[in-house]
Amino acid sequence: MREGARRHRQTVAAVLAVLTAVDPYGLEPGTPEGPPADEYEPEALDLARVLLAEGAVTVRDVEDVWAHWFSESLVLRLGVDRTARLVDELNALVPAAAASGLPLRGA
């Protein structure tokens, strides 16, 4: 298996886990009464793409992805502090991307 494909799948899975934990809409993905566990996968794919390409995401990146999929602001839904924590959690996934030798944003 190609290393890049494996890293991509791992990053998407990690981003999906973060988004599911934050669960901005209170949907409880993966629970018996909730939607499928991969409810936030389209957003996870887009954010993972940015993480792997840039080495980090910004609040603007997250806002752009959220607006694309939901036509609303995630900052307005979660608040500034929760959105900042979400960005921090996503960026904490970067060491895996950094180990790939990809350039980091701002480096």
PDB file of N, CA and C in Angstrom:
ATOM      1  N   MET A   1       0.834  -1.175   0.000  1.00  0.00           N
ATOM      2  CA  MET A   1       0.000   0.000   0.000  1.00  0.00           C
ATOM      3  C   MET A   1       0.887   1.250   0.000  1.00  0.00           C
ATOM      4  N   ARG A   2       0.496   2.216  -0.772  1.00  0.00           N
ATOM      5  CA  ARG A   2       1.274   3.442  -0.847  1.00  0.00           C
ATOM      6  C   ARG A   2       1.192   4.215   0.456  1.00  0.00           C
ATOM      7  N   GLU A   3       2.317   4.746   0.866  1.00  0.00           N
ATOM      8  CA  GLU A   3       2.397   5.497   2.121  1.00  0.00           C
ATOM      9  C   GLU A   3       1.470   6.709   2.099  1.00  0.00           C
ATOM     10  N   GLY A   4       1.413   7.415   0.967  1.00  0.00           N
ATOM     11  CA  GLY A   4       0.558   8.598   0.871  1.00  0.00           C
ATOM     12  C   GLY A   4      -0.912   8.269   1.059  1.00  0.00           C
ATOM     13  N   ALA A   5      -1.353   7.174   0.469  1.00  0.00           N
ATOM     14  CA  ALA A   5      -2.756   6.768   0.592  1.00  0.00           C
ATOM     15  C   ALA A   5      -3.066   6.375   2.036  1.00  0.00           C
ATOM     16  N   ARG A   6      -2.143   5.691   2.660  1.00  0.00           N
ATOM     17  CA  ARG A   6      -2.333   5.289   4.060  1.00  0.00           C
ATOM     18  C   ARG A   6      -2.397   6.520   4.956  1.00  0.00           C
ATOM     19  N   ARG A   7      -1.490   7.450   4.756  1.00  0.00           N
ATOM     20  CA  ARG A   7      -1.457   8.681   5.558  1.00  0.00           C
ATOM     21  C   ARG A   7      -2.752   9.474   5.348  1.00  0.00           C
ATOM     22  N   HIS A   8      -3.235   9.521   4.108  1.00  0.00           N
ATOM     23  CA  HIS A   8      -4.473  10.232   3.816  1.00  0.00           C
ATOM     24  C   HIS A   8      -5.640   9.600   4.580  1.00  0.00           C
ATOM     25  N   ARG A   9      -5.771   8.291   4.525  1.00  0.00           N
ATOM     26  CA  ARG A   9      -6.857   7.602   5.229  1.00  0.00           C
ATOM     27  C   ARG A   9      -6.768   7.812   6.736  1.00  0.00           C
ATOM     28  N   GLN A  10      -5.559   7.736   7.283  1.00  0.00           N
ATOM     29  CA  GLN A  10      -5.379   7.938   8.721  1.00  0.00           C
ATOM     30  C   GLN A  10      -5.741   9.363   9.134  1.00  0.00           C
ATOM     31  N   THR A  11      -5.364  10.328   8.318  1.00  0.00           N
ATOM     32  CA  THR A  11      -5.659  11.725   8.634  1.00  0.00           C
ATOM     33  C   THR A  11      -7.157  11.984   8.554  1.00  0.00           C
ATOM     34  N   VAL A  12      -7.816  11.460   7.521  1.00  0.00           N
ATOM     35  CA  VAL A  12      -9.269  11.622   7.409  1.00  0.00           C
ATOM     36  C   VAL A  12      -9.958  11.003   8.624  1.00  0.00           C
ATOM     37  N   ALA A  13      -9.528   9.809   9.010  1.00  0.00           N
ATOM     38  CA  ALA A  13     -10.132   9.137  10.177  1.00  0.00           C
ATOM     39  C   ALA A  13      -9.929   9.961  11.444  1.00  0.00           C
ATOM     40  N   ALA A  14      -8.749  10.532  11.615  1.00  0.00           N
ATOM     41  CA  ALA A  14      -8.467  11.336  12.806  1.00  0.00           C
ATOM     42  C   ALA A  14      -9.296  12.619  12.813  1.00  0.00           C
ATOM     43  N   VAL A  15      -9.392  13.286  11.661  1.00  0.00           N
ATOM     44  CA  VAL A  15     -10.199  14.504  11.563  1.00  0.00           C
ATOM     45  C   VAL A  15     -11.670  14.162  11.818  1.00  0.00           C
ATOM     46  N   LEU A  16     -12.137  13.052  11.252  1.00  0.00           N
ATOM     47  CA  LEU A  16     -13.520  12.630  11.474  1.00  0.00           C
ATOM     48  C   LEU A  16     -13.784  12.388  12.961  1.00  0.00           C
ATOM     49  N   ALA A  17     -12.835  11.784  13.653  1.00  0.00           N
ATOM     50  CA  ALA A  17     -12.994  11.536  15.095  1.00  0.00           C
ATOM     51  C   ALA A  17     -13.109  12.859  15.854  1.00  0.00           C
ATOM     52  N   VAL A  18     -12.318  13.851  15.478  1.00  0.00           N
ATOM     53  CA  VAL A  18     -12.380  15.158  16.141  1.00  0.00           C
ATOM     54  C   VAL A  18     -13.734  15.822  15.873  1.00  0.00           C
ATOM     55  N   LEU A  19     -14.167  15.830  14.615  1.00  0.00           N
ATOM     56  CA  LEU A  19     -15.448  16.457  14.276  1.00  0.00           C
ATOM     57  C   LEU A  19     -16.610  15.746  14.961  1.00  0.00           C
ATOM     58  N   THR A  20     -16.543  14.428  15.028  1.00  0.00           N
ATOM     59  CA  THR A  20     -17.608  13.661  15.678  1.00  0.00           C
ATOM     60  C   THR A  20     -17.654  13.969  17.167  1.00  0.00           C
ATOM     61  N   ALA A  21     -16.491  14.113  17.782  1.00  0.00           N
ATOM     62  CA  ALA A  21     -16.444  14.444  19.212  1.00  0.00           C
ATOM     63  C   ALA A  21     -17.018  15.840  19.471  1.00  0.00           C
ATOM     64  N   VAL A  22     -16.723  16.784  18.591  1.00  0.00           N
ATOM     65  CA  VAL A  22     -17.241  18.147  18.743  1.00  0.00           C
ATOM     66  C   VAL A  22     -18.743  18.158  18.422  1.00  0.00           C
ATOM     67  N   ASP A  23     -19.150  17.416  17.416  1.00  0.00           N
ATOM     68  CA  ASP A  23     -20.554  17.246  17.022  1.00  0.00           C
ATOM     69  C   ASP A  23     -21.334  18.555  17.103  1.00  0.00           C
ATOM     70  N   PRO A  24     -21.029  19.508  16.218  1.00  0.00           N
ATOM     71  CA  PRO A  24     -21.636  20.841  16.305  1.00  0.00           C
ATOM     72  C   PRO A  24     -23.164  20.864  16.280  1.00  0.00           C
ATOM     73  N   TYR A  25     -23.775  19.858  15.722  1.00  0.00           N
ATOM     74  CA  TYR A  25     -25.234  19.854  15.613  1.00  0.00           C
ATOM     75  C   TYR A  25     -25.905  18.935  16.627  1.00  0.00           C
ATOM     76  N   GLY A  26     -25.115  18.315  17.506  1.00  0.00           N
ATOM     77  CA  GLY A  26     -25.689  17.440  18.522  1.00  0.00           C
ATOM     78  C   GLY A  26     -26.393  16.223  17.938  1.00  0.00           C
ATOM     79  N   LEU A  27     -25.879  15.715  16.834  1.00  0.00           N
ATOM     80  CA  LEU A  27     -26.508  14.591  16.130  1.00  0.00           C
ATOM     81  C   LEU A  27     -26.164  13.228  16.718  1.00  0.00           C
ATOM     82  N   GLU A  28     -25.070  13.175  17.459  1.00  0.00           N
ATOM     83  CA  GLU A  28     -24.581  11.924  18.047  1.00  0.00           C
ATOM     84  C   GLU A  28     -24.350  10.836  16.997  1.00  0.00           C
ATOM     85  N   PRO A  29     -23.478  11.118  16.012  1.00  0.00           N
ATOM     86  CA  PRO A  29     -23.201  10.117  14.978  1.00  0.00           C
ATOM     87  C   PRO A  29     -22.713   8.800  15.579  1.00  0.00           C
ATOM     88  N   GLY A  30     -23.173   7.717  14.982  1.00  0.00           N
ATOM     89  CA  GLY A  30     -22.738   6.389  15.392  1.00  0.00           C
ATOM     90  C   GLY A  30     -23.515   5.805  16.553  1.00  0.00           C
ATOM     91  N   THR A  31     -24.449   6.562  17.117  1.00  0.00           N
ATOM     92  CA  THR A  31     -25.277   6.031  18.194  1.00  0.00           C
ATOM     93  C   THR A  31     -26.538   5.416  17.585  1.00  0.00           C
ATOM     94  N   PRO A  32     -27.231   4.570  18.344  1.00  0.00           N
ATOM     95  CA  PRO A  32     -28.428   3.915  17.787  1.00  0.00           C
ATOM     96  C   PRO A  32     -29.480   4.897  17.247  1.00  0.00           C
ATOM     97  N   GLU A  33     -29.666   6.025  17.907  1.00  0.00           N
ATOM     98  CA  GLU A  33     -30.661   6.992  17.442  1.00  0.00           C
ATOM     99  C   GLU A  33     -30.071   8.058  16.524  1.00  0.00           C
ATOM    100  N   GLY A  34     -28.768   8.054  16.369  1.00  0.00           N
ATOM    101  CA  GLY A  34     -28.105   9.083  15.581  1.00  0.00           C
ATOM    102  C   GLY A  34     -27.859   8.664  14.145  1.00  0.00           C
ATOM    103  N   PRO A  35     -27.277   9.574  13.390  1.00  0.00           N
ATOM    104  CA  PRO A  35     -26.914   9.273  12.007  1.00  0.00           C
ATOM    105  C   PRO A  35     -25.710   8.327  11.962  1.00  0.00           C
ATOM    106  N   PRO A  36     -25.316   7.899  10.773  1.00  0.00           N
ATOM    107  CA  PRO A  36     -24.146   7.014  10.660  1.00  0.00           C
ATOM    108  C   PRO A  36     -22.890   7.657  11.275  1.00  0.00           C
ATOM    109  N   ALA A  37     -21.965   6.820  11.682  1.00  0.00           N
ATOM    110  CA  ALA A  37     -20.732   7.285  12.322  1.00  0.00           C
ATOM    111  C   ALA A  37     -19.918   8.212  11.421  1.00  0.00           C
ATOM    112  N   ASP A  38     -20.101   8.106  10.119  1.00  0.00           N
ATOM    113  CA  ASP A  38     -19.338   8.937   9.184  1.00  0.00           C
ATOM    114  C   ASP A  38     -20.098  10.200   8.765  1.00  0.00           C
ATOM    115  N   GLU A  39     -21.014  10.662   9.600  1.00  0.00           N
ATOM    116  CA  GLU A  39     -21.850  11.830   9.289  1.00  0.00           C
ATOM    117  C   GLU A  39     -21.038  13.036   8.830  1.00  0.00           C
ATOM    118  N   TYR A  40     -19.900  13.284   9.456  1.00  0.00           N
ATOM    119  CA  TYR A  40     -19.090  14.456   9.125  1.00  0.00           C
ATOM    120  C   TYR A  40     -17.928  14.115   8.179  1.00  0.00           C
ATOM    121  N   GLU A  41     -18.027  13.013   7.461  1.00  0.00           N
ATOM    122  CA  GLU A  41     -16.924  12.602   6.586  1.00  0.00           C
ATOM    123  C   GLU A  41     -16.627  13.581   5.446  1.00  0.00           C
ATOM    124  N   PRO A  42     -17.624  14.151   4.769  1.00  0.00           N
ATOM    125  CA  PRO A  42     -17.275  15.102   3.697  1.00  0.00           C
ATOM    126  C   PRO A  42     -16.436  16.271   4.218  1.00  0.00           C
ATOM    127  N   GLU A  43     -16.808  16.788   5.381  1.00  0.00           N
ATOM    128  CA  GLU A  43     -16.046  17.881   5.979  1.00  0.00           C
ATOM    129  C   GLU A  43     -14.667  17.403   6.410  1.00  0.00           C
ATOM    130  N   ALA A  44     -14.597  16.188   6.946  1.00  0.00           N
ATOM    131  CA  ALA A  44     -13.310  15.613   7.353  1.00  0.00           C
ATOM    132  C   ALA A  44     -12.388  15.454   6.153  1.00  0.00           C
ATOM    133  N   LEU A  45     -12.921  15.025   5.027  1.00  0.00           N
ATOM    134  CA  LEU A  45     -12.109  14.885   3.813  1.00  0.00           C
ATOM    135  C   LEU A  45     -11.506  16.224   3.410  1.00  0.00           C
ATOM    136  N   ASP A  46     -12.346  17.266   3.398  1.00  0.00           N
ATOM    137  CA  ASP A  46     -11.854  18.588   3.003  1.00  0.00           C
ATOM    138  C   ASP A  46     -10.813  19.125   3.984  1.00  0.00           C
ATOM    139  N   LEU A  47     -11.066  18.984   5.286  1.00  0.00           N
ATOM    140  CA  LEU A  47     -10.111  19.490   6.277  1.00  0.00           C
ATOM    141  C   LEU A  47      -8.820  18.676   6.277  1.00  0.00           C
ATOM    142  N   ALA A  48      -8.917  17.372   6.079  1.00  0.00           N
ATOM    143  CA  ALA A  48      -7.712  16.538   5.994  1.00  0.00           C
ATOM    144  C   ALA A  48      -6.871  16.946   4.790  1.00  0.00           C
ATOM    145  N   ARG A  49      -7.529  17.286   3.702  1.00  0.00           N
ATOM    146  CA  ARG A  49      -6.813  17.728   2.501  1.00  0.00           C
ATOM    147  C   ARG A  49      -5.980  18.970   2.818  1.00  0.00           C
ATOM    148  N   VAL A  50      -6.568  19.913   3.551  1.00  0.00           N
ATOM    149  CA  VAL A  50      -5.838  21.134   3.931  1.00  0.00           C
ATOM    150  C   VAL A  50      -4.697  20.782   4.876  1.00  0.00           C
ATOM    151  N   LEU A  51      -4.964  19.962   5.880  1.00  0.00           N
ATOM    152  CA  LEU A  51      -3.909  19.564   6.826  1.00  0.00           C
ATOM    153  C   LEU A  51      -2.729  18.932   6.109  1.00  0.00           C
ATOM    154  N   LEU A  52      -3.009  18.038   5.189  1.00  0.00           N
ATOM    155  CA  LEU A  52      -1.930  17.337   4.492  1.00  0.00           C
ATOM    156  C   LEU A  52      -1.193  18.248   3.513  1.00  0.00           C
ATOM    157  N   ALA A  53      -1.907  19.189   2.917  1.00  0.00           N
ATOM    158  CA  ALA A  53      -1.277  20.090   1.951  1.00  0.00           C
ATOM    159  C   ALA A  53      -0.524  21.229   2.622  1.00  0.00           C
ATOM    160  N   GLU A  54      -1.089  21.757   3.722  1.00  0.00           N
ATOM    161  CA  GLU A  54      -0.538  22.963   4.344  1.00  0.00           C
ATOM    162  C   GLU A  54       0.157  22.713   5.670  1.00  0.00           C
ATOM    163  N   GLY A  55      -0.128  21.568   6.292  1.00  0.00           N
ATOM    164  CA  GLY A  55       0.478  21.268   7.582  1.00  0.00           C
ATOM    165  C   GLY A  55      -0.284  21.829   8.764  1.00  0.00           C
ATOM    166  N   ALA A  56      -1.339  22.600   8.490  1.00  0.00           N
ATOM    167  CA  ALA A  56      -2.167  23.192   9.540  1.00  0.00           C
ATOM    168  C   ALA A  56      -3.449  23.708   8.916  1.00  0.00           C
ATOM    169  N   VAL A  57      -4.457  23.883   9.765  1.00  0.00           N
ATOM    170  CA  VAL A  57      -5.678  24.553   9.335  1.00  0.00           C
ATOM    171  C   VAL A  57      -5.836  25.817  10.160  1.00  0.00           C
ATOM    172  N   THR A  58      -6.534  26.765   9.600  1.00  0.00           N
ATOM    173  CA  THR A  58      -6.843  28.012  10.289  1.00  0.00           C
ATOM    174  C   THR A  58      -8.347  28.063  10.545  1.00  0.00           C
ATOM    175  N   VAL A  59      -8.752  29.016  11.364  1.00  0.00           N
ATOM    176  CA  VAL A  59     -10.182  29.218  11.574  1.00  0.00           C
ATOM    177  C   VAL A  59     -10.842  29.498  10.222  1.00  0.00           C
ATOM    178  N   ARG A  60     -10.186  30.266   9.370  1.00  0.00           N
ATOM    179  CA  ARG A  60     -10.729  30.579   8.041  1.00  0.00           C
ATOM    180  C   ARG A  60     -10.925  29.302   7.226  1.00  0.00           C
ATOM    181  N   ASP A  61      -9.961  28.368   7.282  1.00  0.00           N
ATOM    182  CA  ASP A  61     -10.102  27.104   6.559  1.00  0.00           C
ATOM    183  C   ASP A  61     -11.338  26.339   7.033  1.00  0.00           C
ATOM    184  N   VAL A  62     -11.488  26.267   8.351  1.00  0.00           N
ATOM    185  CA  VAL A  62     -12.626  25.542   8.924  1.00  0.00           C
ATOM    186  C   VAL A  62     -13.926  26.239   8.550  1.00  0.00           C
ATOM    187  N   GLU A  63     -13.937  27.561   8.626  1.00  0.00           N
ATOM    188  CA  GLU A  63     -15.130  28.329   8.234  1.00  0.00           C
ATOM    189  C   GLU A  63     -15.481  28.093   6.769  1.00  0.00           C
ATOM    190  N   ASP A  64     -14.475  28.090   5.905  1.00  0.00           N
ATOM    191  CA  ASP A  64     -14.723  27.879   4.476  1.00  0.00           C
ATOM    192  C   ASP A  64     -15.329  26.502   4.219  1.00  0.00           C
ATOM    193  N   VAL A  65     -14.777  25.481   4.855  1.00  0.00           N
ATOM    194  CA  VAL A  65     -15.305  24.123   4.684  1.00  0.00           C
ATOM    195  C   VAL A  65     -16.726  24.057   5.220  1.00  0.00           C
ATOM    196  N   TRP A  66     -16.950  24.622   6.396  1.00  0.00           N
ATOM    197  CA  TRP A  66     -18.281  24.549   7.003  1.00  0.00           C
ATOM    198  C   TRP A  66     -19.305  25.295   6.159  1.00  0.00           C
ATOM    199  N   ALA A  67     -18.948  26.461   5.677  1.00  0.00           N
ATOM    200  CA  ALA A  67     -19.866  27.245   4.843  1.00  0.00           C
ATOM    201  C   ALA A  67     -20.183  26.501   3.551  1.00  0.00           C
ATOM    202  N   HIS A  68     -19.197  25.817   3.001  1.00  0.00           N
ATOM    203  CA  HIS A  68     -19.424  25.045   1.778  1.00  0.00           C
ATOM    204  C   HIS A  68     -20.476  23.956   2.003  1.00  0.00           C
ATOM    205  N   TRP A  69     -20.347  23.226   3.096  1.00  0.00           N
ATOM    206  CA  TRP A  69     -21.230  22.085   3.337  1.00  0.00           C
ATOM    207  C   TRP A  69     -22.540  22.445   4.022  1.00  0.00           C
ATOM    208  N   PHE A  70     -22.530  23.473   4.864  1.00  0.00           N
ATOM    209  CA  PHE A  70     -23.717  23.766   5.665  1.00  0.00           C
ATOM    210  C   PHE A  70     -24.296  25.165   5.441  1.00  0.00           C
ATOM    211  N   SER A  71     -23.628  25.970   4.631  1.00  0.00           N
ATOM    212  CA  SER A  71     -24.098  27.335   4.343  1.00  0.00           C
ATOM    213  C   SER A  71     -24.302  28.149   5.612  1.00  0.00           C
ATOM    214  N   GLU A  72     -23.436  27.922   6.593  1.00  0.00           N
ATOM    215  CA  GLU A  72     -23.481  28.722   7.817  1.00  0.00           C
ATOM    216  C   GLU A  72     -22.095  28.764   8.454  1.00  0.00           C
ATOM    217  N   SER A  73     -21.943  29.677   9.377  1.00  0.00           N
ATOM    218  CA  SER A  73     -20.681  29.861  10.084  1.00  0.00           C
ATOM    219  C   SER A  73     -20.572  28.890  11.257  1.00  0.00           C
ATOM    220  N   LEU A  74     -19.468  28.177  11.314  1.00  0.00           N
ATOM    221  CA  LEU A  74     -19.231  27.311  12.466  1.00  0.00           C
ATOM    222  C   LEU A  74     -18.879  28.141  13.692  1.00  0.00           C
ATOM    223  N   VAL A  75     -18.220  29.277  13.497  1.00  0.00           N
ATOM    224  CA  VAL A  75     -17.891  30.162  14.621  1.00  0.00           C
ATOM    225  C   VAL A  75     -19.175  30.651  15.285  1.00  0.00           C
ATOM    226  N   LEU A  76     -20.168  30.995  14.492  1.00  0.00           N
ATOM    227  CA  LEU A  76     -21.437  31.446  15.073  1.00  0.00           C
ATOM    228  C   LEU A  76     -22.157  30.302  15.784  1.00  0.00           C
ATOM    229  N   ARG A  77     -22.003  29.090  15.293  1.00  0.00           N
ATOM    230  CA  ARG A  77     -22.663  27.929  15.911  1.00  0.00           C
ATOM    231  C   ARG A  77     -21.952  27.527  17.202  1.00  0.00           C
ATOM    232  N   LEU A  78     -20.621  27.436  17.168  1.00  0.00           N
ATOM    233  CA  LEU A  78     -19.859  26.941  18.318  1.00  0.00           C
ATOM    234  C   LEU A  78     -19.371  28.040  19.246  1.00  0.00           C
ATOM    235  N   GLY A  79     -19.193  29.217  18.714  1.00  0.00           N
ATOM    236  CA  GLY A  79     -18.557  30.295  19.458  1.00  0.00           C
ATOM    237  C   GLY A  79     -17.068  30.324  19.157  1.00  0.00           C
ATOM    238  N   VAL A  80     -16.469  31.448  19.457  1.00  0.00           N
ATOM    239  CA  VAL A  80     -15.057  31.663  19.141  1.00  0.00           C
ATOM    240  C   VAL A  80     -14.160  30.679  19.894  1.00  0.00           C
ATOM    241  N   ASP A  81     -14.391  30.515  21.191  1.00  0.00           N
ATOM    242  CA  ASP A  81     -13.517  29.656  21.998  1.00  0.00           C
ATOM    243  C   ASP A  81     -13.579  28.192  21.564  1.00  0.00           C
ATOM    244  N   ARG A  82     -14.793  27.666  21.360  1.00  0.00           N
ATOM    245  CA  ARG A  82     -14.919  26.254  20.939  1.00  0.00           C
ATOM    246  C   ARG A  82     -14.329  26.034  19.549  1.00  0.00           C
ATOM    247  N   THR A  83     -14.502  27.019  18.667  1.00  0.00           N
ATOM    248  CA  THR A  83     -13.926  26.889  17.325  1.00  0.00           C
ATOM    249  C   THR A  83     -12.408  26.915  17.404  1.00  0.00           C
ATOM    250  N   ALA A  84     -11.860  27.771  18.236  1.00  0.00           N
ATOM    251  CA  ALA A  84     -10.400  27.827  18.409  1.00  0.00           C
ATOM    252  C   ALA A  84      -9.876  26.499  18.954  1.00  0.00           C
ATOM    253  N   ARG A  85     -10.614  25.899  19.899  1.00  0.00           N
ATOM    254  CA  ARG A  85     -10.197  24.584  20.423  1.00  0.00           C
ATOM    255  C   ARG A  85     -10.270  23.513  19.336  1.00  0.00           C
ATOM    256  N   LEU A  86     -11.300  23.587  18.494  1.00  0.00           N
ATOM    257  CA  LEU A  86     -11.407  22.648  17.381  1.00  0.00           C
ATOM    258  C   LEU A  86     -10.206  22.772  16.452  1.00  0.00           C
ATOM    259  N   VAL A  87      -9.843  23.996  16.102  1.00  0.00           N
ATOM    260  CA  VAL A  87      -8.681  24.225  15.240  1.00  0.00           C
ATOM    261  C   VAL A  87      -7.420  23.684  15.910  1.00  0.00           C
ATOM    262  N   ASP A  88      -7.272  23.915  17.203  1.00  0.00           N
ATOM    263  CA  ASP A  88      -6.115  23.391  17.934  1.00  0.00           C
ATOM    264  C   ASP A  88      -6.082  21.862  17.891  1.00  0.00           C
ATOM    265  N   GLU A  89      -7.245  21.236  18.089  1.00  0.00           N
ATOM    266  CA  GLU A  89      -7.305  19.770  18.041  1.00  0.00           C
ATOM    267  C   GLU A  89      -6.943  19.245  16.659  1.00  0.00           C
ATOM    268  N   LEU A  90      -7.434  19.908  15.631  1.00  0.00           N
ATOM    269  CA  LEU A  90      -7.098  19.483  14.269  1.00  0.00           C
ATOM    270  C   LEU A  90      -5.604  19.660  14.009  1.00  0.00           C
ATOM    271  N   ASN A  91      -5.059  20.776  14.450  1.00  0.00           N
ATOM    272  CA  ASN A  91      -3.634  21.020  14.224  1.00  0.00           C
ATOM    273  C   ASN A  91      -2.748  20.097  15.058  1.00  0.00           C
ATOM    274  N   ALA A  92      -3.278  19.565  16.144  1.00  0.00           N
ATOM    275  CA  ALA A  92      -2.523  18.588  16.931  1.00  0.00           C
ATOM    276  C   ALA A  92      -2.312  17.295  16.144  1.00  0.00           C
ATOM    277  N   LEU A  93      -3.084  17.110  15.081  1.00  0.00           N
ATOM    278  CA  LEU A  93      -2.917  15.935  14.220  1.00  0.00           C
ATOM    279  C   LEU A  93      -1.745  16.103  13.262  1.00  0.00           C
ATOM    280  N   VAL A  94      -1.183  17.299  13.196  1.00  0.00           N
ATOM    281  CA  VAL A  94      -0.140  17.632  12.228  1.00  0.00           C
ATOM    282  C   VAL A  94       1.148  16.837  12.377  1.00  0.00           C
ATOM    283  N   PRO A  95       1.586  16.444  13.572  1.00  0.00           N
ATOM    284  CA  PRO A  95       2.851  15.704  13.622  1.00  0.00           C
ATOM    285  C   PRO A  95       2.887  14.522  12.654  1.00  0.00           C
ATOM    286  N   ALA A  96       1.763  13.861  12.450  1.00  0.00           N
ATOM    287  CA  ALA A  96       1.733  12.767  11.476  1.00  0.00           C
ATOM    288  C   ALA A  96       1.989  13.302  10.075  1.00  0.00           C
ATOM    289  N   ALA A  97       1.413  14.457   9.758  1.00  0.00           N
ATOM    290  CA  ALA A  97       1.632  15.053   8.449  1.00  0.00           C
ATOM    291  C   ALA A  97       3.069  15.575   8.333  1.00  0.00           C
ATOM    292  N   ALA A  98       3.570  16.168   9.428  1.00  0.00           N
ATOM    293  CA  ALA A  98       4.929  16.706   9.402  1.00  0.00           C
ATOM    294  C   ALA A  98       5.953  15.612   9.194  1.00  0.00           C
ATOM    295  N   ALA A  99       5.703  14.432   9.732  1.00  0.00           N
ATOM    296  CA  ALA A  99       6.628  13.309   9.580  1.00  0.00           C
ATOM    297  C   ALA A  99       6.716  12.872   8.122  1.00  0.00           C
ATOM    298  N   SER A 100       5.739  13.259   7.319  1.00  0.00           N
ATOM    299  CA  SER A 100       5.741  12.857   5.915  1.00  0.00           C
ATOM    300  C   SER A 100       6.721  13.692   5.106  1.00  0.00           C
ATOM    301  N   GLY A 101       7.237  14.776   5.710  1.00  0.00           N
ATOM    302  CA  GLY A 101       8.119  15.645   4.977  1.00  0.00           C
ATOM    303  C   GLY A 101       7.383  16.744   4.234  1.00  0.00           C
ATOM    304  N   LEU A 102       6.054  16.830   4.418  1.00  0.00           N
ATOM    305  CA  LEU A 102       5.302  17.897   3.772  1.00  0.00           C
ATOM    306  C   LEU A 102       5.674  19.229   4.416  1.00  0.00           C
ATOM    307  N   PRO A 103       5.756  20.287   3.616  1.00  0.00           N
ATOM    308  CA  PRO A 103       6.070  21.582   4.208  1.00  0.00           C
ATOM    309  C   PRO A 103       4.928  22.037   5.102  1.00  0.00           C
ATOM    310  N   LEU A 104       5.277  22.671   6.213  1.00  0.00           N
ATOM    311  CA  LEU A 104       4.269  23.188   7.135  1.00  0.00           C
ATOM    312  C   LEU A 104       3.979  24.641   6.789  1.00  0.00           C
ATOM    313  N   ARG A 105       2.728  25.041   6.975  1.00  0.00           N
ATOM    314  CA  ARG A 105       2.308  26.405   6.708  1.00  0.00           C
ATOM    315  C   ARG A 105       3.158  27.348   7.560  1.00  0.00           C
ATOM    316  N   GLY A 106       3.682  28.356   6.919  1.00  0.00           N
ATOM    317  CA  GLY A 106       4.485  29.336   7.645  1.00  0.00           C
ATOM    318  C   GLY A 106       5.939  28.910   7.809  1.00  0.00           C
ATOM    319  N   ALA A 107       6.288  27.711   7.363  1.00  0.00           N
ATOM    320  CA  ALA A 107       7.672  27.248   7.523  1.00  0.00           C
ATOM    321  C   ALA A 107       8.513  27.683   6.348  1.00  0.00           C
TER     322      ALA A 107
END
